[in-house]
N, C-alpha and C. Protein backbone atom coordinates (compact mmCIF):
# COMPACT_ATOMS: atom_id res chain seq x y z
N MET A 1 -48.70 -21.81 -20.82
CA MET A 1 -47.39 -21.23 -20.81
C MET A 1 -47.48 -19.69 -20.75
N ILE A 2 -48.39 -19.12 -21.52
CA ILE A 2 -48.56 -17.68 -21.54
C ILE A 2 -49.11 -17.20 -20.20
N LYS A 3 -50.00 -17.97 -19.60
CA LYS A 3 -50.56 -17.59 -18.30
C LYS A 3 -49.46 -17.55 -17.24
N ARG A 4 -48.56 -18.54 -17.30
CA ARG A 4 -47.45 -18.57 -16.35
C ARG A 4 -46.54 -17.34 -16.51
N THR A 5 -46.23 -17.01 -17.75
CA THR A 5 -45.37 -15.87 -18.01
C THR A 5 -46.02 -14.58 -17.53
N VAL A 6 -47.30 -14.42 -17.80
CA VAL A 6 -48.01 -13.21 -17.36
C VAL A 6 -48.07 -13.15 -15.84
N SER A 7 -48.32 -14.28 -15.20
CA SER A 7 -48.39 -14.27 -13.73
C SER A 7 -47.01 -14.00 -13.12
N MET A 8 -45.96 -14.56 -13.70
CA MET A 8 -44.61 -14.30 -13.20
C MET A 8 -44.23 -12.83 -13.39
N LEU A 9 -44.64 -12.26 -14.51
CA LEU A 9 -44.37 -10.85 -14.76
C LEU A 9 -45.12 -9.98 -13.76
N ALA A 10 -46.34 -10.32 -13.46
CA ALA A 10 -47.13 -9.55 -12.49
C ALA A 10 -46.49 -9.64 -11.10
N ILE A 11 -46.07 -10.83 -10.72
CA ILE A 11 -45.43 -11.00 -9.41
C ILE A 11 -44.14 -10.20 -9.35
N ALA A 12 -43.35 -10.25 -10.43
CA ALA A 12 -42.09 -9.50 -10.46
C ALA A 12 -42.35 -8.01 -10.34
N LEU A 13 -43.36 -7.49 -11.01
CA LEU A 13 -43.67 -6.06 -10.91
C LEU A 13 -44.13 -5.68 -9.51
N ILE A 14 -44.91 -6.53 -8.90
CA ILE A 14 -45.40 -6.24 -7.55
C ILE A 14 -44.23 -6.22 -6.57
N LEU A 15 -43.36 -7.24 -6.67
CA LEU A 15 -42.23 -7.30 -5.75
C LEU A 15 -41.23 -6.17 -5.99
N SER A 16 -41.06 -5.78 -7.21
CA SER A 16 -40.13 -4.68 -7.47
C SER A 16 -40.68 -3.38 -6.91
N GLY A 17 -41.97 -3.20 -6.92
CA GLY A 17 -42.56 -2.02 -6.32
C GLY A 17 -42.35 -2.00 -4.81
N CYS A 18 -42.40 -3.16 -4.18
CA CYS A 18 -42.16 -3.24 -2.73
C CYS A 18 -40.70 -2.91 -2.42
N ALA A 19 -39.82 -3.40 -3.25
CA ALA A 19 -38.41 -3.18 -3.00
C ALA A 19 -38.05 -1.71 -3.15
N VAL A 20 -38.64 -1.04 -4.11
CA VAL A 20 -38.35 0.38 -4.32
C VAL A 20 -38.90 1.20 -3.17
N GLY A 21 -40.03 0.82 -2.62
CA GLY A 21 -40.63 1.56 -1.53
C GLY A 21 -39.84 1.47 -0.24
N THR A 22 -38.97 0.46 -0.09
CA THR A 22 -38.23 0.31 1.16
C THR A 22 -36.90 1.04 1.16
N LEU A 23 -36.50 1.62 0.05
CA LEU A 23 -35.24 2.34 0.00
C LEU A 23 -35.36 3.64 0.79
N PRO A 24 -34.33 4.00 1.55
CA PRO A 24 -34.41 5.24 2.32
C PRO A 24 -34.40 6.45 1.38
N GLN A 25 -35.16 7.44 1.77
CA GLN A 25 -35.23 8.65 0.97
C GLN A 25 -34.02 9.51 1.29
N ARG A 26 -33.49 10.15 0.28
CA ARG A 26 -32.33 11.01 0.49
C ARG A 26 -32.75 12.23 1.30
N GLY A 27 -31.92 12.55 2.26
CA GLY A 27 -32.15 13.73 3.07
C GLY A 27 -33.04 13.48 4.28
N GLY A 28 -33.73 12.36 4.30
CA GLY A 28 -34.59 12.06 5.42
C GLY A 28 -33.84 11.29 6.49
N PRO A 29 -34.46 11.14 7.66
CA PRO A 29 -33.78 10.40 8.72
C PRO A 29 -33.68 8.92 8.37
N ILE A 30 -32.65 8.30 8.90
CA ILE A 30 -32.41 6.89 8.67
C ILE A 30 -32.61 6.17 10.00
N ALA A 31 -33.23 4.99 9.96
CA ALA A 31 -33.43 4.22 11.18
C ALA A 31 -32.07 3.78 11.71
N TRP A 32 -31.81 4.04 12.99
CA TRP A 32 -30.53 3.72 13.58
C TRP A 32 -30.71 2.60 14.57
N ASP A 33 -29.87 1.57 14.50
CA ASP A 33 -30.01 0.41 15.38
C ASP A 33 -29.31 0.58 16.72
N GLY A 34 -28.62 1.70 16.92
CA GLY A 34 -27.96 1.96 18.19
C GLY A 34 -26.51 1.54 18.21
N LEU A 35 -26.06 0.83 17.19
CA LEU A 35 -24.66 0.42 17.13
C LEU A 35 -23.88 1.41 16.29
N GLY A 36 -22.69 1.70 16.72
CA GLY A 36 -21.86 2.61 15.94
C GLY A 36 -22.31 4.05 16.06
N ARG A 37 -21.97 4.82 15.09
CA ARG A 37 -22.29 6.24 15.08
C ARG A 37 -23.67 6.45 14.47
N ASP A 38 -24.43 7.36 15.03
CA ASP A 38 -25.77 7.66 14.53
C ASP A 38 -25.66 8.28 13.13
N PRO A 39 -26.25 7.64 12.10
CA PRO A 39 -26.14 8.18 10.75
C PRO A 39 -26.91 9.48 10.55
N ASN A 40 -27.78 9.82 11.47
CA ASN A 40 -28.54 11.05 11.35
C ASN A 40 -27.77 12.27 11.84
N LEU A 41 -26.68 12.04 12.56
CA LEU A 41 -25.87 13.15 13.04
C LEU A 41 -25.02 13.69 11.89
N ARG A 42 -24.67 14.93 12.02
CA ARG A 42 -23.80 15.52 10.99
C ARG A 42 -22.41 14.92 11.13
N PRO A 43 -21.76 14.70 10.02
CA PRO A 43 -20.40 14.16 10.12
C PRO A 43 -19.46 15.17 10.76
N PRO A 44 -18.47 14.67 11.49
CA PRO A 44 -17.54 15.61 12.11
C PRO A 44 -16.76 16.37 11.04
N PRO A 45 -16.45 17.62 11.32
CA PRO A 45 -15.70 18.39 10.31
C PRO A 45 -14.33 17.76 10.09
N GLN A 46 -13.99 17.62 8.83
CA GLN A 46 -12.70 17.03 8.51
C GLN A 46 -11.70 18.12 8.21
N ARG A 47 -10.54 18.00 8.80
CA ARG A 47 -9.48 18.96 8.56
C ARG A 47 -8.72 18.50 7.32
N ARG A 48 -8.57 19.37 6.42
CA ARG A 48 -7.86 19.03 5.20
C ARG A 48 -6.41 19.49 5.32
N HIS A 49 -5.55 18.52 5.17
CA HIS A 49 -4.13 18.82 5.23
C HIS A 49 -3.56 18.73 3.83
N LEU A 50 -2.79 19.68 3.49
CA LEU A 50 -2.11 19.62 2.21
C LEU A 50 -0.92 18.68 2.34
N PRO A 51 -0.73 17.82 1.37
CA PRO A 51 0.40 16.91 1.46
C PRO A 51 1.71 17.69 1.39
N GLU A 52 2.67 17.23 2.18
CA GLU A 52 3.96 17.89 2.16
C GLU A 52 4.66 17.54 0.85
N VAL A 53 5.20 18.54 0.24
CA VAL A 53 5.89 18.33 -1.03
C VAL A 53 7.29 17.85 -0.73
N ALA A 54 7.56 16.63 -1.14
CA ALA A 54 8.88 16.06 -0.91
C ALA A 54 9.74 16.32 -2.13
N VAL A 55 10.93 16.78 -1.88
CA VAL A 55 11.86 17.03 -2.97
C VAL A 55 12.50 15.71 -3.34
N ASP A 56 12.44 15.37 -4.61
CA ASP A 56 13.01 14.12 -5.09
C ASP A 56 14.52 14.29 -5.21
N PRO A 57 15.29 13.54 -4.43
CA PRO A 57 16.75 13.72 -4.48
C PRO A 57 17.35 13.26 -5.80
N THR A 58 16.65 12.41 -6.54
CA THR A 58 17.20 11.95 -7.82
C THR A 58 17.30 13.08 -8.83
N ILE A 59 16.41 14.06 -8.74
CA ILE A 59 16.45 15.19 -9.67
C ILE A 59 17.72 16.01 -9.42
N GLU A 60 18.00 16.26 -8.13
CA GLU A 60 19.21 17.02 -7.80
C GLU A 60 20.46 16.25 -8.20
N GLU A 61 20.45 14.95 -7.98
CA GLU A 61 21.61 14.13 -8.32
C GLU A 61 21.85 14.11 -9.83
N ASP A 62 20.77 13.97 -10.59
CA ASP A 62 20.91 13.97 -12.05
C ASP A 62 21.41 15.32 -12.56
N ALA A 63 20.97 16.39 -11.93
CA ALA A 63 21.45 17.73 -12.33
C ALA A 63 22.93 17.88 -12.01
N ARG A 64 23.35 17.31 -10.86
CA ARG A 64 24.76 17.38 -10.50
C ARG A 64 25.61 16.61 -11.51
N LEU A 65 25.11 15.45 -11.97
CA LEU A 65 25.85 14.68 -12.98
C LEU A 65 25.89 15.40 -14.32
N ALA A 66 24.80 16.09 -14.64
CA ALA A 66 24.75 16.80 -15.93
C ALA A 66 25.75 17.94 -15.98
N ASP A 67 26.09 18.51 -14.82
CA ASP A 67 27.06 19.61 -14.79
C ASP A 67 28.49 19.15 -15.01
N LEU A 68 28.74 17.87 -14.74
CA LEU A 68 30.11 17.35 -14.88
C LEU A 68 30.36 16.85 -16.30
N ALA A 69 31.62 16.88 -16.68
CA ALA A 69 31.99 16.38 -18.01
C ALA A 69 31.90 14.86 -18.02
N PRO A 70 31.23 14.29 -19.04
CA PRO A 70 31.11 12.84 -19.09
C PRO A 70 32.48 12.17 -19.21
N ARG A 71 32.58 11.00 -18.62
CA ARG A 71 33.78 10.17 -18.66
C ARG A 71 34.98 10.82 -17.99
N SER A 72 34.75 11.74 -17.11
CA SER A 72 35.85 12.33 -16.34
C SER A 72 35.91 11.62 -14.99
N SER A 73 37.01 11.80 -14.29
CA SER A 73 37.17 11.13 -12.99
C SER A 73 36.17 11.70 -11.97
N GLU A 74 35.87 13.00 -12.06
CA GLU A 74 34.89 13.60 -11.15
C GLU A 74 33.49 13.04 -11.42
N PHE A 75 33.19 12.81 -12.70
CA PHE A 75 31.89 12.27 -13.08
C PHE A 75 31.71 10.88 -12.46
N PHE A 76 32.71 10.02 -12.60
CA PHE A 76 32.59 8.66 -12.09
C PHE A 76 32.61 8.63 -10.56
N ALA A 77 33.34 9.53 -9.93
CA ALA A 77 33.32 9.61 -8.47
C ALA A 77 31.94 10.03 -7.98
N ALA A 78 31.37 11.03 -8.64
CA ALA A 78 30.02 11.48 -8.27
C ALA A 78 29.00 10.39 -8.55
N LEU A 79 29.17 9.67 -9.66
CA LEU A 79 28.24 8.60 -10.02
C LEU A 79 28.28 7.48 -8.98
N ARG A 80 29.45 7.10 -8.52
CA ARG A 80 29.55 6.07 -7.49
C ARG A 80 28.89 6.51 -6.20
N LYS A 81 29.10 7.78 -5.81
CA LYS A 81 28.47 8.28 -4.58
C LYS A 81 26.95 8.32 -4.73
N ILE A 82 26.47 8.77 -5.88
CA ILE A 82 25.02 8.84 -6.11
C ILE A 82 24.41 7.45 -6.09
N GLU A 83 25.06 6.49 -6.73
CA GLU A 83 24.53 5.12 -6.74
C GLU A 83 24.53 4.53 -5.34
N ALA A 84 25.55 4.84 -4.54
CA ALA A 84 25.58 4.35 -3.16
C ALA A 84 24.45 4.96 -2.34
N ASP A 85 24.20 6.26 -2.54
CA ASP A 85 23.10 6.92 -1.83
C ASP A 85 21.76 6.33 -2.24
N ARG A 86 21.57 6.07 -3.52
CA ARG A 86 20.31 5.50 -4.00
C ARG A 86 20.13 4.09 -3.47
N ASP A 87 21.19 3.29 -3.42
CA ASP A 87 21.10 1.94 -2.86
C ASP A 87 20.75 2.00 -1.38
N LYS A 88 21.31 2.97 -0.67
CA LYS A 88 21.02 3.13 0.76
C LYS A 88 19.54 3.48 0.97
N ARG A 89 19.03 4.42 0.17
CA ARG A 89 17.61 4.79 0.27
C ARG A 89 16.71 3.62 -0.08
N LEU A 90 17.06 2.87 -1.11
CA LEU A 90 16.26 1.72 -1.50
C LEU A 90 16.29 0.64 -0.43
N GLY A 91 17.45 0.42 0.16
CA GLY A 91 17.56 -0.56 1.24
C GLY A 91 16.71 -0.19 2.43
N ALA A 92 16.60 1.11 2.72
CA ALA A 92 15.76 1.56 3.84
C ALA A 92 14.28 1.35 3.54
N LYS A 93 13.90 1.43 2.28
CA LYS A 93 12.49 1.25 1.90
C LYS A 93 12.12 -0.23 1.82
N LEU A 94 13.07 -1.10 1.58
CA LEU A 94 12.78 -2.51 1.34
C LEU A 94 13.01 -3.39 2.55
N ILE A 95 12.80 -2.89 3.74
CA ILE A 95 12.94 -3.72 4.93
C ILE A 95 11.74 -4.66 4.97
N ILE A 96 12.02 -5.95 4.89
CA ILE A 96 10.95 -6.94 4.85
C ILE A 96 10.61 -7.41 6.26
N CYS A 97 11.62 -7.73 7.04
CA CYS A 97 11.38 -8.23 8.38
C CYS A 97 12.44 -7.64 9.30
N ASN A 98 12.02 -7.07 10.41
CA ASN A 98 12.96 -6.41 11.30
C ASN A 98 13.66 -7.35 12.26
N GLY A 99 13.17 -8.56 12.46
CA GLY A 99 13.79 -9.44 13.43
C GLY A 99 14.37 -10.70 12.83
N CYS A 100 14.42 -10.79 11.53
CA CYS A 100 14.83 -12.03 10.89
C CYS A 100 16.31 -12.10 10.57
N SER A 101 17.02 -11.03 10.60
CA SER A 101 18.42 -11.08 10.22
C SER A 101 19.21 -11.80 11.31
N VAL A 102 20.16 -12.62 10.86
CA VAL A 102 20.98 -13.39 11.78
C VAL A 102 22.39 -12.83 11.71
N SER A 103 23.03 -12.68 12.85
CA SER A 103 24.37 -12.12 12.85
C SER A 103 25.35 -13.10 12.22
N ALA A 104 26.50 -12.60 11.79
CA ALA A 104 27.50 -13.44 11.14
C ALA A 104 28.05 -14.48 12.09
N SER A 105 28.07 -14.20 13.36
CA SER A 105 28.61 -15.17 14.32
C SER A 105 27.70 -16.39 14.44
N LYS A 106 26.42 -16.23 14.21
CA LYS A 106 25.52 -17.37 14.29
C LYS A 106 25.50 -18.18 13.01
N THR A 107 25.76 -17.55 11.87
CA THR A 107 25.71 -18.29 10.61
C THR A 107 26.98 -19.06 10.34
N GLU A 108 28.12 -18.51 10.73
CA GLU A 108 29.40 -19.18 10.50
C GLU A 108 30.15 -19.28 11.82
N PRO A 109 30.35 -20.49 12.30
CA PRO A 109 31.09 -20.63 13.55
C PRO A 109 32.52 -20.14 13.39
N SER A 110 33.07 -19.60 14.45
CA SER A 110 34.40 -19.01 14.37
C SER A 110 35.49 -20.06 14.27
N ASP A 111 35.25 -21.31 14.74
CA ASP A 111 36.30 -22.31 14.69
C ASP A 111 36.38 -23.02 13.35
N GLY A 112 35.51 -22.71 12.43
CA GLY A 112 35.58 -23.29 11.08
C GLY A 112 34.82 -24.60 10.93
N THR A 113 34.18 -25.10 11.98
CA THR A 113 33.42 -26.35 11.86
C THR A 113 32.02 -26.04 11.39
N ARG A 114 31.43 -27.03 10.77
CA ARG A 114 30.06 -26.86 10.29
C ARG A 114 29.07 -27.29 11.37
N PRO A 115 27.89 -26.71 11.36
CA PRO A 115 26.86 -27.18 12.28
C PRO A 115 26.40 -28.59 11.89
N ASN A 116 25.82 -29.29 12.85
CA ASN A 116 25.39 -30.67 12.60
C ASN A 116 24.30 -30.78 11.57
N TRP A 117 23.44 -29.81 11.47
CA TRP A 117 22.32 -29.91 10.53
C TRP A 117 22.78 -29.89 9.08
N ILE A 118 23.95 -29.31 8.78
CA ILE A 118 24.44 -29.28 7.39
C ILE A 118 24.81 -30.69 6.94
N SER A 119 25.43 -31.47 7.82
CA SER A 119 25.79 -32.84 7.44
C SER A 119 24.55 -33.70 7.33
N ASP A 120 23.47 -33.37 8.04
CA ASP A 120 22.24 -34.15 7.94
C ASP A 120 21.55 -33.96 6.61
N ILE A 121 21.75 -32.82 5.95
CA ILE A 121 21.11 -32.53 4.67
C ILE A 121 21.67 -33.44 3.60
N ARG A 122 22.96 -33.69 3.62
CA ARG A 122 23.60 -34.51 2.61
C ARG A 122 23.27 -35.90 2.84
């Protein structure tokens, strides 16, 4: 049992030495197989763009509400407009499918009759 353990340990050390020797050295050339971009070439210079700072409209809207007297008619009018604007922005962000909406004329016939498939469900 001890001989087996010692021999397995020796084999493991030998194989680990082989594996370490095959790792590419940093800074040295790398073997290139011809596919893709040559890893030995310098990377192309990257242009760094600063992200555009977007002004959050909710901050301006909240400041506008803070200027108005609470529970006044102007406050509630501004609140309704702000909520409508926020719903509009959210609706624009939450488009799930651009071709799936069905017009009202296709969903409900104008003569008031039901399509045949509705009676088949029952």
